[in-house]
N, C-alpha and C. Protein backbone atom coordinates (compact mmCIF):
# COMPACT_ATOMS: atom_id res chain seq x y z
N MET A 1 0.87 -1.25 -0.24
CA MET A 1 0.36 -0.05 0.06
C MET A 1 1.07 1.23 0.09
N HIS A 2 0.57 2.41 -0.87
CA HIS A 2 1.31 3.47 -0.64
C HIS A 2 0.39 4.30 -0.58
N PRO A 3 1.17 5.78 0.26
CA PRO A 3 0.30 6.49 0.78
C PRO A 3 -0.05 7.56 -0.52
N VAL A 4 -1.34 7.80 -0.40
CA VAL A 4 -2.10 8.61 -1.42
C VAL A 4 -2.43 10.36 -0.70
N SER A 5 -1.73 11.26 -1.66
CA SER A 5 -1.95 12.56 -1.59
C SER A 5 -3.56 12.89 -1.49
N SER A 6 -4.32 13.75 -0.83
CA SER A 6 -5.36 14.13 -0.22
C SER A 6 -5.32 15.46 -0.72
N ALA A 7 -6.22 16.33 -0.55
CA ALA A 7 -6.56 17.92 -0.88
C ALA A 7 -6.27 18.46 1.11
N PRO A 8 -5.30 19.00 1.26
CA PRO A 8 -4.96 19.62 2.50
C PRO A 8 -5.81 20.32 3.22
N ASP A 9 -7.10 20.89 2.59
CA ASP A 9 -8.57 21.34 3.05
C ASP A 9 -9.67 20.31 3.27
N VAL A 10 -9.44 18.93 3.15
CA VAL A 10 -10.10 18.32 3.47
C VAL A 10 -10.35 17.86 4.86
N ALA A 11 -11.45 17.99 5.89
CA ALA A 11 -11.47 17.70 7.01
C ALA A 11 -11.51 15.72 7.02
N LEU A 12 -11.11 15.22 7.56
CA LEU A 12 -11.06 13.94 7.99
C LEU A 12 -11.67 13.72 9.46
N CYS A 13 -10.84 14.19 10.47
CA CYS A 13 -10.89 13.64 11.91
C CYS A 13 -12.40 14.50 12.36
N PRO A 14 -13.70 13.55 12.78
CA PRO A 14 -14.53 14.68 12.71
C PRO A 14 -14.39 15.38 14.56
N ALA A 15 -13.07 15.12 15.13
CA ALA A 15 -12.90 16.03 16.25
C ALA A 15 -12.18 17.40 16.19
N CYS A 16 -10.89 17.17 15.30
CA CYS A 16 -10.13 18.48 15.17
C CYS A 16 -10.01 18.84 13.40
N GLY A 17 -10.70 18.13 12.90
CA GLY A 17 -10.62 18.06 11.58
C GLY A 17 -9.61 18.18 10.49
N ALA A 18 -8.57 17.17 11.23
CA ALA A 18 -7.25 17.14 10.47
C ALA A 18 -7.75 16.37 9.62
N SER A 19 -6.67 16.52 8.37
CA SER A 19 -6.70 15.53 6.55
C SER A 19 -6.65 14.37 6.79
N ARG A 20 -5.72 13.58 8.03
CA ARG A 20 -4.81 12.94 8.12
C ARG A 20 -5.42 12.12 9.04
N VAL A 21 -5.77 10.97 9.39
CA VAL A 21 -5.68 9.87 10.45
C VAL A 21 -5.32 8.25 10.01
N ARG A 22 -4.90 7.89 11.03
CA ARG A 22 -4.18 6.41 11.23
C ARG A 22 -5.55 5.45 11.19
N VAL A 23 -5.60 4.48 10.41
CA VAL A 23 -6.66 3.40 10.61
C VAL A 23 -5.92 1.70 10.65
N ARG A 24 -6.32 1.50 11.59
CA ARG A 24 -5.60 -0.13 11.75
C ARG A 24 -5.88 -1.30 10.73
N ALA A 25 -5.38 -1.88 10.10
CA ALA A 25 -5.54 -2.95 8.88
C ALA A 25 -4.87 -3.78 8.89
N ALA A 26 -5.92 -5.02 8.88
CA ALA A 26 -5.24 -6.59 8.47
C ALA A 26 -4.50 -6.35 7.41
N VAL A 27 -3.49 -7.60 7.70
CA VAL A 27 -2.13 -7.94 6.89
C VAL A 27 -2.06 -9.79 6.86
N ALA A 28 -2.14 -10.26 5.56
CA ALA A 28 -1.80 -11.44 6.00
C ALA A 28 -0.44 -11.80 5.05
N ALA A 29 0.01 -12.73 6.43
CA ALA A 29 1.64 -12.99 5.88
C ALA A 29 1.80 -14.30 5.41
N GLU A 30 2.17 -14.60 4.59
CA GLU A 30 2.65 -16.17 4.51
C GLU A 30 4.13 -16.65 4.62
N VAL A 31 4.57 -17.11 5.87
CA VAL A 31 5.89 -17.32 6.16
C VAL A 31 6.42 -18.39 5.87
N GLU A 32 7.42 -18.88 5.25
CA GLU A 32 7.68 -20.03 4.79
C GLU A 32 9.03 -20.22 5.75
N VAL A 33 9.20 -21.46 5.94
CA VAL A 33 9.87 -22.15 7.74
C VAL A 33 10.62 -23.22 7.38
N GLY A 34 11.61 -23.55 7.75
CA GLY A 34 12.48 -24.46 7.88
C GLY A 34 12.93 -25.45 9.17
N ARG A 35 13.75 -25.85 9.11
CA ARG A 35 14.06 -26.75 10.23
C ARG A 35 15.71 -25.77 10.82
N GLY A 36 15.37 -25.30 12.18
CA GLY A 36 16.47 -24.35 12.93
C GLY A 36 17.79 -25.60 12.93
N PRO A 37 18.70 -24.98 13.43
CA PRO A 37 19.96 -25.87 13.52
C PRO A 37 19.52 -26.86 14.66
N ARG A 38 18.57 -26.77 15.85
CA ARG A 38 18.49 -27.71 16.88
C ARG A 38 16.92 -28.08 16.40
N LEU A 39 16.64 -29.75 16.49
CA LEU A 39 15.29 -29.97 16.43
C LEU A 39 13.97 -29.17 15.98
N GLU A 40 14.13 -28.54 17.45
CA GLU A 40 12.70 -27.95 18.13
C GLU A 40 12.91 -26.28 17.34
N GLU A 41 13.70 -26.31 16.95
CA GLU A 41 13.65 -25.25 16.31
C GLU A 41 13.27 -24.92 14.83
N TRP A 42 12.83 -23.49 14.47
CA TRP A 42 12.30 -23.37 13.06
C TRP A 42 13.21 -21.97 12.72
N THR A 43 13.16 -22.04 11.72
CA THR A 43 14.14 -20.76 10.71
C THR A 43 13.42 -20.52 10.00
N VAL A 44 13.06 -19.08 9.73
CA VAL A 44 12.33 -18.19 8.93
C VAL A 44 12.88 -17.84 7.58
N MET A 45 12.57 -18.55 6.45
CA MET A 45 13.05 -18.33 5.14
C MET A 45 12.99 -16.79 4.46
N ALA A 46 11.66 -17.38 4.55
CA ALA A 46 10.99 -15.72 3.58
C ALA A 46 9.64 -15.58 4.19
N VAL A 47 9.14 -13.93 3.90
CA VAL A 47 8.00 -13.62 4.49
C VAL A 47 7.05 -13.40 3.09
N HIS A 48 6.03 -13.64 2.61
CA HIS A 48 5.43 -12.95 2.05
C HIS A 48 4.27 -12.50 2.54
N LEU A 49 4.08 -10.66 1.95
CA LEU A 49 2.91 -9.83 2.87
C LEU A 49 1.63 -9.89 1.43
N GLU A 50 0.23 -10.35 2.16
CA GLU A 50 -0.51 -10.24 0.90
C GLU A 50 -1.25 -8.66 1.08
N ASP A 51 -2.05 -8.27 -0.21
CA ASP A 51 -2.45 -7.64 0.64
C ASP A 51 -4.06 -7.47 1.28
N GLY A 52 -3.76 -6.46 2.02
CA GLY A 52 -5.18 -6.00 3.41
C GLY A 52 -5.96 -4.87 2.85
N GLY A 53 -6.63 -5.00 4.00
CA GLY A 53 -7.56 -3.69 3.93
C GLY A 53 -7.98 -4.04 5.31
N PHE A 54 -9.23 -3.04 5.60
CA PHE A 54 -10.22 -2.45 6.06
C PHE A 54 -11.55 -2.69 6.13
N ASP A 55 -12.45 -2.41 6.62
CA ASP A 55 -14.10 -1.86 6.64
C ASP A 55 -14.63 -0.92 8.12
N GLU A 56 -15.89 -0.82 7.75
CA GLU A 56 -16.26 0.51 8.59
C GLU A 56 -16.03 0.37 10.32
N GLY A 57 -15.44 -1.28 10.75
CA GLY A 57 -15.35 -1.51 11.88
C GLY A 57 -14.27 -1.30 12.28
N ALA A 58 -13.56 -0.54 11.79
CA ALA A 58 -12.09 -0.82 11.83
C ALA A 58 -11.37 0.27 12.86
N THR A 59 -10.72 0.09 13.74
CA THR A 59 -10.07 1.08 14.59
C THR A 59 -9.42 2.42 13.47
N ALA A 60 -10.02 3.61 13.96
CA ALA A 60 -9.35 4.52 13.55
C ALA A 60 -8.49 5.86 14.69
N TRP A 61 -7.80 6.31 14.37
CA TRP A 61 -6.90 7.78 15.41
C TRP A 61 -6.50 8.67 15.40
N CYS A 62 -6.21 9.78 15.43
CA CYS A 62 -6.41 10.66 15.03
C CYS A 62 -4.80 11.18 15.93
N THR A 63 -3.79 11.44 15.28
CA THR A 63 -2.62 11.84 16.27
C THR A 63 -2.52 13.27 16.59
N ALA A 64 -3.10 13.83 15.98
CA ALA A 64 -2.94 15.23 15.88
C ALA A 64 -3.74 15.82 17.23
N CYS A 65 -5.02 14.90 17.33
CA CYS A 65 -5.73 15.66 18.91
C CYS A 65 -6.05 14.35 19.54
N GLY A 66 -5.93 12.70 19.09
CA GLY A 66 -6.07 11.99 20.23
C GLY A 66 -7.61 11.42 19.96
N TRP A 67 -8.36 11.89 19.16
CA TRP A 67 -9.73 11.19 18.64
C TRP A 67 -9.27 9.89 18.49
N ARG A 68 -10.49 9.21 19.29
CA ARG A 68 -10.20 7.36 18.54
C ARG A 68 -12.19 7.11 17.97
N GLY A 69 -11.80 6.55 17.52
CA GLY A 69 -13.07 5.62 17.00
C GLY A 69 -12.98 4.90 15.84
N VAL A 70 -14.00 4.82 15.23
CA VAL A 70 -13.85 3.52 13.64
C VAL A 70 -14.03 4.19 12.11
N VAL A 71 -13.51 3.70 11.52
CA VAL A 71 -13.42 4.06 9.85
C VAL A 71 -15.23 5.02 9.73
N ALA A 72 -16.52 4.08 10.35
CA ALA A 72 -17.60 4.60 9.86
C ALA A 72 -17.78 5.94 10.67
N ASP A 73 -17.08 6.24 11.37
CA ASP A 73 -17.63 8.11 12.13
C ASP A 73 -16.18 8.66 10.79
N LEU A 74 -15.48 8.64 9.94
CA LEU A 74 -14.76 9.29 9.07
C LEU A 74 -15.65 9.27 8.11
N GLU A 75 -16.47 7.99 7.44
CA GLU A 75 -17.28 8.04 6.34
C GLU A 75 -18.78 9.02 6.93
N LEU A 76 -18.88 9.19 7.94
CA LEU A 76 -19.93 10.61 8.45
C LEU A 76 -19.34 11.46 8.36
N ALA A 77 -18.39 11.84 8.61
CA ALA A 77 -17.24 13.01 8.61
C ALA A 77 -17.57 13.90 7.14
N LEU A 78 -17.20 12.59 6.21
CA LEU A 78 -16.91 13.39 4.78
C LEU A 78 -18.48 13.56 4.57
N ARG A 79 -19.52 13.44 4.73
CA ARG A 79 -20.78 13.65 3.94
C ARG A 79 -21.30 15.13 4.56
């Protein structure tokens, strides 16, 4: 996922109007493992990250003012 620029005057945070907030997103990881030096150990050989995402119930927060809520709250702020 790459950052996307937005117009600086778009208020996204419902509390302070900040144009940027953070959203907790889920990402799936596929981990390739092999035997470690000892039988009871595993060694991570490779990690492959899959695309992730979030829905309207995902946790959201504003680093500018400390507001906490969910993505649905942000969607209401944009209307």
